Amino acid sequence: MPVRIIATLATVIFAAALPALAALTVGQKAPDFNLQASLGGKVYPFSLAEALKKGPVVLYFYPAAFTTGCTIEAHDFADAIPEYQKLGATVIGVSHDDIETLKKFSVSECRSKFAVAGDTDGSVIKAYDVVMPTHPQYANRTSFVIAPNGTIIYTYTNLHPDQHVANTLAALKAWKQSSTR
């Protein structure tokens, strides 16, 4: 095999092994959206623009309700809701799941502490460029912190659920400190 082909193959293999990164980055404007959401089993229309009027928003995308990693992540967010509330933040989880599934998930796994929304057509998942590369019907596990002015101030993509809460809380605290100076 010529050296050029080997180098190209090595580059492709290396790139495929890297974790996917969210295309939307810090400093970009977060795309506005309206989705059906469930909080404590009750369905309501969630509007990002309306939530931002109240303070920062932690928007996290997850692959599918009731899967192991997504359940762990939902429990972690539910446990940390008092800390998010102290920082004036709204937490919303988004997946491709239908609202009937999310009504159950919002009660059992989110413990009725925060809302989850269904993006059944994938339009919000695509707008945030968090489509899972290996399974495009799902969202990649990605967390965003969005300032009240609609600017993304933090983004983190990792299929492992264990650092999303700690990282978004740290980003909110840093933002809060810098905005009070």
C-alpha atoms as a PDB file:
ATOM      1  CA  MET A   1       0.000   0.000   0.000  1.00  0.00           C
ATOM      2  CA  PRO A   2       1.355   3.439  -0.833  1.00  0.00           C
ATOM      3  CA  VAL A   3       2.328   5.599   2.141  1.00  0.00           C
ATOM      4  CA  ARG A   4      -0.320   8.211   1.255  1.00  0.00           C
ATOM      5  CA  ILE A   5      -3.164   5.650   1.526  1.00  0.00           C
ATOM      6  CA  ILE A   6      -1.804   4.296   4.818  1.00  0.00           C
ATOM      7  CA  ALA A   7      -1.592   7.828   6.238  1.00  0.00           C
ATOM      8  CA  THR A   8      -5.148   8.595   5.114  1.00  0.00           C
ATOM      9  CA  LEU A   9      -6.464   5.354   6.633  1.00  0.00           C
ATOM     10  CA  ALA A  10      -4.648   6.074   9.882  1.00  0.00           C
ATOM     11  CA  THR A  11      -6.195   9.544  10.013  1.00  0.00           C
ATOM     12  CA  VAL A  12      -9.700   8.158   9.407  1.00  0.00           C
ATOM     13  CA  ILE A  13      -9.256   5.438  12.051  1.00  0.00           C
ATOM     14  CA  PHE A  14      -7.881   7.956  14.565  1.00  0.00           C
ATOM     15  CA  ALA A  15     -10.720  10.424  13.927  1.00  0.00           C
ATOM     16  CA  ALA A  16     -13.311   7.670  14.335  1.00  0.00           C
ATOM     17  CA  ALA A  17     -11.839   6.757  17.715  1.00  0.00           C
ATOM     18  CA  LEU A  18     -12.192  10.299  19.091  1.00  0.00           C
ATOM     19  CA  PRO A  19     -15.308  11.249  21.035  1.00  0.00           C
ATOM     20  CA  ALA A  20     -17.749  13.322  19.031  1.00  0.00           C
ATOM     21  CA  LEU A  21     -17.750  16.996  19.896  1.00  0.00           C
ATOM     22  CA  ALA A  22     -20.795  19.230  19.813  1.00  0.00           C
ATOM     23  CA  ALA A  23     -20.631  21.556  16.854  1.00  0.00           C
ATOM     24  CA  LEU A  24     -22.151  24.414  18.813  1.00  0.00           C
ATOM     25  CA  THR A  25     -19.453  25.990  20.893  1.00  0.00           C
ATOM     26  CA  VAL A  26     -19.017  28.525  23.652  1.00  0.00           C
ATOM     27  CA  GLY A  27     -19.966  31.992  22.454  1.00  0.00           C
ATOM     28  CA  GLN A  28     -22.516  30.839  19.880  1.00  0.00           C
ATOM     29  CA  LYS A  29     -26.197  31.699  20.104  1.00  0.00           C
ATOM     30  CA  ALA A  30     -28.296  28.753  21.287  1.00  0.00           C
ATOM     31  CA  PRO A  31     -31.050  27.874  18.803  1.00  0.00           C
ATOM     32  CA  ASP A  32     -34.453  28.660  20.265  1.00  0.00           C
ATOM     33  CA  PHE A  33     -36.979  25.826  20.459  1.00  0.00           C
ATOM     34  CA  ASN A  34     -40.412  24.874  21.736  1.00  0.00           C
ATOM     35  CA  LEU A  35     -41.137  21.243  22.652  1.00  0.00           C
ATOM     36  CA  GLN A  36     -43.696  19.243  24.583  1.00  0.00           C
ATOM     37  CA  ALA A  37     -42.169  18.464  27.960  1.00  0.00           C
ATOM     38  CA  SER A  38     -43.140  16.564  31.061  1.00  0.00           C
ATOM     39  CA  LEU A  39     -42.476  17.476  34.659  1.00  0.00           C
ATOM     40  CA  GLY A  40     -43.816  15.084  37.248  1.00  0.00           C
ATOM     41  CA  GLY A  41     -45.896  13.347  34.604  1.00  0.00           C
ATOM     42  CA  LYS A  42     -47.683  16.544  33.586  1.00  0.00           C
ATOM     43  CA  VAL A  43     -47.272  17.662  29.964  1.00  0.00           C
ATOM     44  CA  TYR A  44     -46.680  21.321  29.117  1.00  0.00           C
ATOM     45  CA  PRO A  45     -45.102  23.360  26.322  1.00  0.00           C
ATOM     46  CA  PHE A  46     -41.442  24.145  27.094  1.00  0.00           C
ATOM     47  CA  SER A  47     -39.992  27.270  25.487  1.00  0.00           C
ATOM     48  CA  LEU A  48     -36.260  27.941  25.715  1.00  0.00           C
ATOM     49  CA  ALA A  49     -36.873  31.680  25.250  1.00  0.00           C
ATOM     50  CA  GLU A  50     -39.325  31.726  28.161  1.00  0.00           C
ATOM     51  CA  ALA A  51     -36.995  29.714  30.409  1.00  0.00           C
ATOM     52  CA  LEU A  52     -34.098  32.088  29.657  1.00  0.00           C
ATOM     53  CA  LYS A  53     -36.187  35.017  30.917  1.00  0.00           C
ATOM     54  CA  LYS A  54     -35.935  33.411  34.373  1.00  0.00           C
ATOM     55  CA  GLY A  55     -32.174  32.754  34.303  1.00  0.00           C
ATOM     56  CA  PRO A  56     -29.596  30.400  32.803  1.00  0.00           C
ATOM     57  CA  VAL A  57     -30.651  27.065  31.333  1.00  0.00           C
ATOM     58  CA  VAL A  58     -28.852  23.743  31.557  1.00  0.00           C
ATOM     59  CA  LEU A  59     -29.916  21.890  28.427  1.00  0.00           C
ATOM     60  CA  TYR A  60     -28.799  18.307  28.279  1.00  0.00           C
ATOM     61  CA  PHE A  61     -29.364  15.834  25.486  1.00  0.00           C
ATOM     62  CA  TYR A  62     -29.452  12.110  26.170  1.00  0.00           C
ATOM     63  CA  PRO A  63     -29.919   9.079  23.909  1.00  0.00           C
ATOM     64  CA  ALA A  64     -33.027   7.350  25.289  1.00  0.00           C
ATOM     65  CA  ALA A  65     -35.189   7.226  28.397  1.00  0.00           C
ATOM     66  CA  PHE A  66     -34.916   4.183  30.651  1.00  0.00           C
ATOM     67  CA  THR A  67     -31.483   3.107  29.365  1.00  0.00           C
ATOM     68  CA  THR A  68     -28.751   2.585  31.948  1.00  0.00           C
ATOM     69  CA  GLY A  69     -26.645   5.702  31.317  1.00  0.00           C
ATOM     70  CA  CYS A  70     -29.661   7.944  30.837  1.00  0.00           C
ATOM     71  CA  THR A  71     -31.237   6.727  34.064  1.00  0.00           C
ATOM     72  CA  ILE A  72     -28.001   7.368  35.983  1.00  0.00           C
ATOM     73  CA  GLU A  73     -27.770  10.843  34.476  1.00  0.00           C
ATOM     74  CA  ALA A  74     -31.413  11.642  35.303  1.00  0.00           C
ATOM     75  CA  HIS A  75     -30.852  10.574  38.922  1.00  0.00           C
ATOM     76  CA  ASP A  76     -27.708  12.738  39.104  1.00  0.00           C
ATOM     77  CA  PHE A  77     -29.536  15.800  37.768  1.00  0.00           C
ATOM     78  CA  ALA A  78     -32.500  15.174  40.101  1.00  0.00           C
ATOM     79  CA  ASP A  79     -30.181  14.960  43.113  1.00  0.00           C
ATOM     80  CA  ALA A  80     -28.497  18.244  42.144  1.00  0.00           C
ATOM     81  CA  ILE A  81     -31.651  20.296  41.478  1.00  0.00           C
ATOM     82  CA  PRO A  82     -31.359  22.228  44.775  1.00  0.00           C
ATOM     83  CA  GLU A  83     -27.882  23.400  43.704  1.00  0.00           C
ATOM     84  CA  TYR A  84     -29.165  24.448  40.261  1.00  0.00           C
ATOM     85  CA  GLN A  85     -32.038  26.308  41.913  1.00  0.00           C
ATOM     86  CA  LYS A  86     -29.606  28.233  44.158  1.00  0.00           C
ATOM     87  CA  LEU A  87     -27.878  29.360  40.960  1.00  0.00           C
ATOM     88  CA  GLY A  88     -31.192  30.363  39.395  1.00  0.00           C
ATOM     89  CA  ALA A  89     -30.901  27.752  36.634  1.00  0.00           C
ATOM     90  CA  THR A  90     -33.551  25.721  34.856  1.00  0.00           C
ATOM     91  CA  VAL A  91     -32.643  22.147  33.877  1.00  0.00           C
ATOM     92  CA  ILE A  92     -34.233  20.501  30.835  1.00  0.00           C
ATOM     93  CA  GLY A  93     -33.357  17.122  29.327  1.00  0.00           C
ATOM     94  CA  VAL A  94     -34.098  16.394  25.655  1.00  0.00           C
ATOM     95  CA  SER A  95     -34.256  13.085  23.799  1.00  0.00           C
ATOM     96  CA  HIS A  96     -36.053  11.661  20.783  1.00  0.00           C
ATOM     97  CA  ASP A  97     -38.529   9.835  23.042  1.00  0.00           C
ATOM     98  CA  ASP A  98     -42.274  10.383  22.706  1.00  0.00           C
ATOM     99  CA  ILE A  99     -44.142  12.312  25.384  1.00  0.00           C
ATOM    100  CA  GLU A 100     -45.903   9.224  26.768  1.00  0.00           C
ATOM    101  CA  THR A 101     -42.513   7.647  27.565  1.00  0.00           C
ATOM    102  CA  LEU A 102     -41.250  10.929  29.016  1.00  0.00           C
ATOM    103  CA  LYS A 103     -44.278  11.298  31.287  1.00  0.00           C
ATOM    104  CA  LYS A 104     -43.203   8.070  33.009  1.00  0.00           C
ATOM    105  CA  PHE A 105     -39.472   8.918  32.890  1.00  0.00           C
ATOM    106  CA  SER A 106     -40.081  12.351  34.428  1.00  0.00           C
ATOM    107  CA  VAL A 107     -41.708  10.765  37.467  1.00  0.00           C
ATOM    108  CA  SER A 108     -39.627   7.631  38.003  1.00  0.00           C
ATOM    109  CA  GLU A 109     -36.121   8.645  36.941  1.00  0.00           C
ATOM    110  CA  CYS A 110     -36.202  12.471  37.063  1.00  0.00           C
ATOM    111  CA  ARG A 111     -38.082  12.122  40.359  1.00  0.00           C
ATOM    112  CA  SER A 112     -40.448  14.956  39.359  1.00  0.00           C
ATOM    113  CA  LYS A 113     -37.603  17.436  39.939  1.00  0.00           C
ATOM    114  CA  PHE A 114     -36.971  18.707  36.377  1.00  0.00           C
ATOM    115  CA  ALA A 115     -38.545  18.503  32.954  1.00  0.00           C
ATOM    116  CA  VAL A 116     -37.701  16.293  30.009  1.00  0.00           C
ATOM    117  CA  ALA A 117     -38.824  17.100  26.479  1.00  0.00           C
ATOM    118  CA  GLY A 118     -39.476  14.976  23.426  1.00  0.00           C
ATOM    119  CA  ASP A 119     -37.827  15.901  20.139  1.00  0.00           C
ATOM    120  CA  THR A 120     -39.500  13.139  18.139  1.00  0.00           C
ATOM    121  CA  ASP A 121     -38.643  14.641  14.741  1.00  0.00           C
ATOM    122  CA  GLY A 122     -35.024  15.324  15.757  1.00  0.00           C
ATOM    123  CA  SER A 123     -35.128  18.987  14.727  1.00  0.00           C
ATOM    124  CA  VAL A 124     -33.688  20.316  18.003  1.00  0.00           C
ATOM    125  CA  ILE A 125     -31.101  17.531  18.162  1.00  0.00           C
ATOM    126  CA  LYS A 126     -29.989  18.537  14.653  1.00  0.00           C
ATOM    127  CA  ALA A 127     -30.075  22.277  15.416  1.00  0.00           C
ATOM    128  CA  TYR A 128     -27.652  21.713  18.292  1.00  0.00           C
ATOM    129  CA  ASP A 129     -25.643  19.270  16.156  1.00  0.00           C
ATOM    130  CA  VAL A 130     -25.750  16.524  18.760  1.00  0.00           C
ATOM    131  CA  VAL A 131     -26.834  13.661  16.533  1.00  0.00           C
ATOM    132  CA  MET A 132     -25.088  10.492  17.689  1.00  0.00           C
ATOM    133  CA  PRO A 133     -22.692   9.599  14.849  1.00  0.00           C
ATOM    134  CA  THR A 134     -23.081   5.835  15.202  1.00  0.00           C
ATOM    135  CA  HIS A 135     -26.868   5.874  15.770  1.00  0.00           C
ATOM    136  CA  PRO A 136     -28.352   8.983  14.094  1.00  0.00           C
ATOM    137  CA  GLN A 137     -31.818   8.334  15.501  1.00  0.00           C
ATOM    138  CA  TYR A 138     -30.460   9.255  18.963  1.00  0.00           C
ATOM    139  CA  ALA A 139     -28.937  12.344  20.544  1.00  0.00           C
ATOM    140  CA  ASN A 140     -25.358  12.190  21.708  1.00  0.00           C
ATOM    141  CA  ARG A 141     -24.982  12.790  25.457  1.00  0.00           C
ATOM    142  CA  THR A 142     -24.193  16.498  25.441  1.00  0.00           C
ATOM    143  CA  SER A 143     -24.749  19.204  28.042  1.00  0.00           C
ATOM    144  CA  PHE A 144     -24.980  22.935  27.386  1.00  0.00           C
ATOM    145  CA  VAL A 145     -25.152  25.844  29.788  1.00  0.00           C
ATOM    146  CA  ILE A 146     -26.917  28.788  28.208  1.00  0.00           C
ATOM    147  CA  ALA A 147     -26.784  32.305  29.672  1.00  0.00           C
ATOM    148  CA  PRO A 148     -30.007  34.323  29.918  1.00  0.00           C
ATOM    149  CA  ASN A 149     -28.998  36.289  26.797  1.00  0.00           C
ATOM    150  CA  GLY A 150     -29.087  33.028  24.799  1.00  0.00           C
ATOM    151  CA  THR A 151     -25.318  32.599  24.503  1.00  0.00           C
ATOM    152  CA  ILE A 152     -23.787  29.178  25.081  1.00  0.00           C
ATOM    153  CA  ILE A 153     -21.323  29.486  27.956  1.00  0.00           C
ATOM    154  CA  TYR A 154     -20.405  25.811  28.323  1.00  0.00           C
ATOM    155  CA  THR A 155     -20.658  22.599  26.330  1.00  0.00           C
ATOM    156  CA  TYR A 156     -19.607  19.052  27.147  1.00  0.00           C
ATOM    157  CA  THR A 157     -20.026  15.830  25.180  1.00  0.00           C
ATOM    158  CA  ASN A 158     -19.321  12.445  26.691  1.00  0.00           C
ATOM    159  CA  LEU A 159     -21.371   9.247  26.548  1.00  0.00           C
ATOM    160  CA  HIS A 160     -20.427   8.528  30.157  1.00  0.00           C
ATOM    161  CA  PRO A 161     -23.005  10.281  32.345  1.00  0.00           C
ATOM    162  CA  ASP A 162     -20.835  10.792  35.417  1.00  0.00           C
ATOM    163  CA  GLN A 163     -19.391  14.320  34.824  1.00  0.00           C
ATOM    164  CA  HIS A 164     -22.295  16.186  33.229  1.00  0.00           C
ATOM    165  CA  VAL A 165     -23.771  17.454  36.493  1.00  0.00           C
ATOM    166  CA  ALA A 166     -20.450  18.407  38.098  1.00  0.00           C
ATOM    167  CA  ASN A 167     -19.261  20.146  34.940  1.00  0.00           C
ATOM    168  CA  THR A 168     -22.438  22.134  34.339  1.00  0.00           C
ATOM    169  CA  LEU A 169     -22.601  23.199  37.989  1.00  0.00           C
ATOM    170  CA  ALA A 170     -18.970  24.367  37.835  1.00  0.00           C
ATOM    171  CA  ALA A 171     -19.688  26.314  34.636  1.00  0.00           C
ATOM    172  CA  LEU A 172     -22.747  27.955  36.212  1.00  0.00           C
ATOM    173  CA  LYS A 173     -20.789  28.921  39.327  1.00  0.00           C
ATOM    174  CA  ALA A 174     -17.969  30.416  37.240  1.00  0.00           C
ATOM    175  CA  TRP A 175     -20.477  32.336  35.105  1.00  0.00           C
ATOM    176  CA  LYS A 176     -22.301  33.607  38.200  1.00  0.00           C
ATOM    177  CA  GLN A 177     -19.021  34.813  39.746  1.00  0.00           C
ATOM    178  CA  SER A 178     -17.938  36.581  36.565  1.00  0.00           C
ATOM    179  CA  SER A 179     -21.348  38.188  36.029  1.00  0.00           C
ATOM    180  CA  THR A 180     -21.428  39.672  39.556  1.00  0.00           C
ATOM    181  CA  ARG A 181     -18.102  41.471  39.205  1.00  0.00           C
END
